[in-house]
Amino acid sequence: MAKPVCKGEHEGHLCVLASRGRFQEIKDLARSPKFICFNCGRVAECDANLCNPMPIEKKP
């Protein structure tokens, strides 16, 4: 299994926020998810808040 990779600045990622107990901020960032993290499965509206984001494809 490949080692998880972090793309971009790690500081604002949901995994960092969770480790610091900032759950209200996570709820705000995940309110309308458009991306999912390929590493941990967390979702966020902005890809900049995830380590290894990929778009969530909405079915018509």
N, C-alpha and C. Protein backbone atom coordinates (compact mmCIF):
# COMPACT_ATOMS: atom_id res chain seq x y z
N MET A 1 0.84 -1.18 0.00
CA MET A 1 0.00 0.00 0.00
C MET A 1 0.89 1.24 0.00
N ALA A 2 0.55 2.20 -0.83
CA ALA A 2 1.35 3.41 -0.95
C ALA A 2 1.19 4.29 0.29
N LYS A 3 2.26 4.99 0.64
CA LYS A 3 2.23 5.91 1.77
C LYS A 3 1.39 7.12 1.40
N PRO A 4 0.50 7.59 2.31
CA PRO A 4 -0.29 8.79 2.02
C PRO A 4 0.60 9.99 1.72
N VAL A 5 0.18 10.78 0.76
CA VAL A 5 0.94 11.94 0.32
C VAL A 5 0.15 13.19 0.64
N CYS A 6 0.84 14.23 1.09
CA CYS A 6 0.20 15.51 1.34
C CYS A 6 0.62 16.49 0.26
N LYS A 7 -0.38 17.06 -0.43
CA LYS A 7 -0.12 18.03 -1.48
C LYS A 7 -0.39 19.42 -0.94
N GLY A 8 0.56 20.33 -1.05
CA GLY A 8 0.34 21.71 -0.62
C GLY A 8 0.72 21.95 0.83
N GLU A 9 0.35 23.10 1.34
CA GLU A 9 0.63 23.50 2.72
C GLU A 9 -0.29 22.72 3.66
N HIS A 10 0.28 21.99 4.57
CA HIS A 10 -0.47 21.07 5.43
C HIS A 10 -1.24 21.79 6.54
N GLU A 11 -0.87 22.98 6.90
CA GLU A 11 -1.41 23.68 8.07
C GLU A 11 -2.92 23.82 8.07
N GLY A 12 -3.57 24.10 6.95
CA GLY A 12 -5.01 24.31 6.94
C GLY A 12 -5.84 23.08 6.63
N HIS A 13 -5.21 21.92 6.61
CA HIS A 13 -5.92 20.70 6.25
C HIS A 13 -6.78 20.19 7.40
N LEU A 14 -7.87 19.51 7.07
CA LEU A 14 -8.81 19.03 8.07
C LEU A 14 -8.16 18.08 9.07
N CYS A 15 -7.18 17.30 8.65
CA CYS A 15 -6.52 16.39 9.58
C CYS A 15 -5.78 17.16 10.67
N VAL A 16 -5.19 18.29 10.33
CA VAL A 16 -4.51 19.13 11.32
C VAL A 16 -5.54 19.77 12.25
N LEU A 17 -6.63 20.27 11.67
CA LEU A 17 -7.68 20.88 12.49
C LEU A 17 -8.26 19.87 13.47
N ALA A 18 -8.46 18.62 13.03
CA ALA A 18 -9.01 17.58 13.91
C ALA A 18 -8.04 17.27 15.04
N SER A 19 -6.76 17.23 14.74
CA SER A 19 -5.77 16.93 15.79
C SER A 19 -5.71 18.04 16.83
N ARG A 20 -6.20 19.22 16.47
CA ARG A 20 -6.21 20.35 17.40
C ARG A 20 -7.60 20.58 18.02
N GLY A 21 -8.54 19.67 17.71
CA GLY A 21 -9.87 19.76 18.30
C GLY A 21 -10.72 20.90 17.77
N ARG A 22 -10.45 21.37 16.57
CA ARG A 22 -11.17 22.50 16.00
C ARG A 22 -12.34 22.00 15.14
N PHE A 23 -13.30 21.34 15.80
CA PHE A 23 -14.37 20.65 15.09
C PHE A 23 -15.42 21.58 14.49
N GLN A 24 -15.69 22.70 15.11
CA GLN A 24 -16.64 23.65 14.51
C GLN A 24 -16.09 24.17 13.18
N GLU A 25 -14.80 24.43 13.12
CA GLU A 25 -14.17 24.89 11.88
C GLU A 25 -14.26 23.80 10.80
N ILE A 26 -14.07 22.55 11.20
CA ILE A 26 -14.19 21.43 10.26
C ILE A 26 -15.61 21.36 9.73
N LYS A 27 -16.60 21.49 10.61
CA LYS A 27 -18.00 21.43 10.17
C LYS A 27 -18.28 22.54 9.16
N ASP A 28 -17.76 23.72 9.39
CA ASP A 28 -17.96 24.83 8.45
C ASP A 28 -17.31 24.55 7.09
N LEU A 29 -16.12 23.98 7.11
CA LEU A 29 -15.39 23.71 5.87
C LEU A 29 -15.96 22.52 5.09
N ALA A 30 -16.71 21.66 5.78
CA ALA A 30 -17.26 20.46 5.14
C ALA A 30 -18.76 20.57 4.87
N ARG A 31 -19.31 21.76 5.05
CA ARG A 31 -20.76 21.95 4.92
C ARG A 31 -21.29 21.58 3.53
N SER A 32 -20.61 21.98 2.48
CA SER A 32 -21.02 21.68 1.10
C SER A 32 -19.86 21.02 0.37
N PRO A 33 -19.59 19.77 0.66
CA PRO A 33 -18.37 19.14 0.14
C PRO A 33 -18.35 18.97 -1.38
N LYS A 34 -17.22 19.29 -1.94
CA LYS A 34 -16.98 19.11 -3.38
C LYS A 34 -15.76 18.22 -3.63
N PHE A 35 -14.98 17.96 -2.56
CA PHE A 35 -13.76 17.16 -2.67
C PHE A 35 -13.69 16.16 -1.52
N ILE A 36 -13.03 15.03 -1.79
CA ILE A 36 -12.78 14.01 -0.77
C ILE A 36 -11.28 13.74 -0.74
N CYS A 37 -10.75 13.50 0.45
CA CYS A 37 -9.32 13.22 0.59
C CYS A 37 -9.08 11.74 0.29
N PHE A 38 -8.20 11.48 -0.64
CA PHE A 38 -7.86 10.12 -1.02
C PHE A 38 -7.11 9.41 0.11
N ASN A 39 -6.50 10.18 1.03
CA ASN A 39 -5.76 9.59 2.14
C ASN A 39 -6.67 9.15 3.28
N CYS A 40 -7.55 10.05 3.74
CA CYS A 40 -8.30 9.78 4.98
C CYS A 40 -9.81 9.71 4.80
N GLY A 41 -10.33 10.13 3.64
CA GLY A 41 -11.76 10.07 3.40
C GLY A 41 -12.55 11.26 3.90
N ARG A 42 -11.87 12.25 4.50
CA ARG A 42 -12.59 13.46 4.91
C ARG A 42 -13.04 14.22 3.67
N VAL A 43 -14.12 15.01 3.83
CA VAL A 43 -14.62 15.81 2.72
C VAL A 43 -14.56 17.29 3.07
N ALA A 44 -14.45 18.13 2.03
CA ALA A 44 -14.39 19.58 2.22
C ALA A 44 -14.90 20.27 0.97
N GLU A 45 -15.30 21.52 1.15
CA GLU A 45 -15.76 22.33 0.02
C GLU A 45 -14.59 22.73 -0.87
N CYS A 46 -13.43 22.97 -0.27
CA CYS A 46 -12.25 23.44 -1.00
C CYS A 46 -11.15 22.38 -0.98
N ASP A 47 -10.53 22.16 -2.10
CA ASP A 47 -9.46 21.16 -2.17
C ASP A 47 -8.24 21.54 -1.35
N ALA A 48 -8.08 22.82 -1.04
CA ALA A 48 -6.93 23.29 -0.26
C ALA A 48 -6.99 22.82 1.19
N ASN A 49 -8.12 22.29 1.64
CA ASN A 49 -8.27 21.84 3.02
C ASN A 49 -8.05 20.34 3.18
N LEU A 50 -7.56 19.68 2.12
CA LEU A 50 -7.34 18.24 2.15
C LEU A 50 -5.93 17.92 1.68
N CYS A 51 -5.35 16.84 2.21
CA CYS A 51 -3.99 16.46 1.85
C CYS A 51 -3.88 15.94 0.40
N ASN A 52 -4.80 15.10 0.02
CA ASN A 52 -4.73 14.46 -1.30
C ASN A 52 -6.14 14.46 -1.92
N PRO A 53 -6.61 15.66 -2.34
CA PRO A 53 -8.01 15.80 -2.76
C PRO A 53 -8.31 15.24 -4.14
N MET A 54 -9.53 14.79 -4.28
CA MET A 54 -10.06 14.44 -5.60
C MET A 54 -11.53 14.89 -5.62
N PRO A 55 -12.01 15.35 -6.76
CA PRO A 55 -13.39 15.86 -6.85
C PRO A 55 -14.40 14.77 -6.55
N ILE A 56 -15.47 15.17 -5.89
CA ILE A 56 -16.62 14.28 -5.70
C ILE A 56 -17.52 14.48 -6.91
N GLU A 57 -17.75 13.42 -7.63
CA GLU A 57 -18.58 13.53 -8.83
C GLU A 57 -20.04 13.38 -8.43
N LYS A 58 -20.83 14.37 -8.76
CA LYS A 58 -22.26 14.35 -8.49
C LYS A 58 -22.96 13.67 -9.65
N LYS A 59 -23.86 12.72 -9.35
CA LYS A 59 -24.64 12.07 -10.39
C LYS A 59 -25.81 12.97 -10.77
N PRO A 60 -26.12 13.05 -12.07
CA PRO A 60 -27.23 13.90 -12.50
C PRO A 60 -28.58 13.42 -12.01
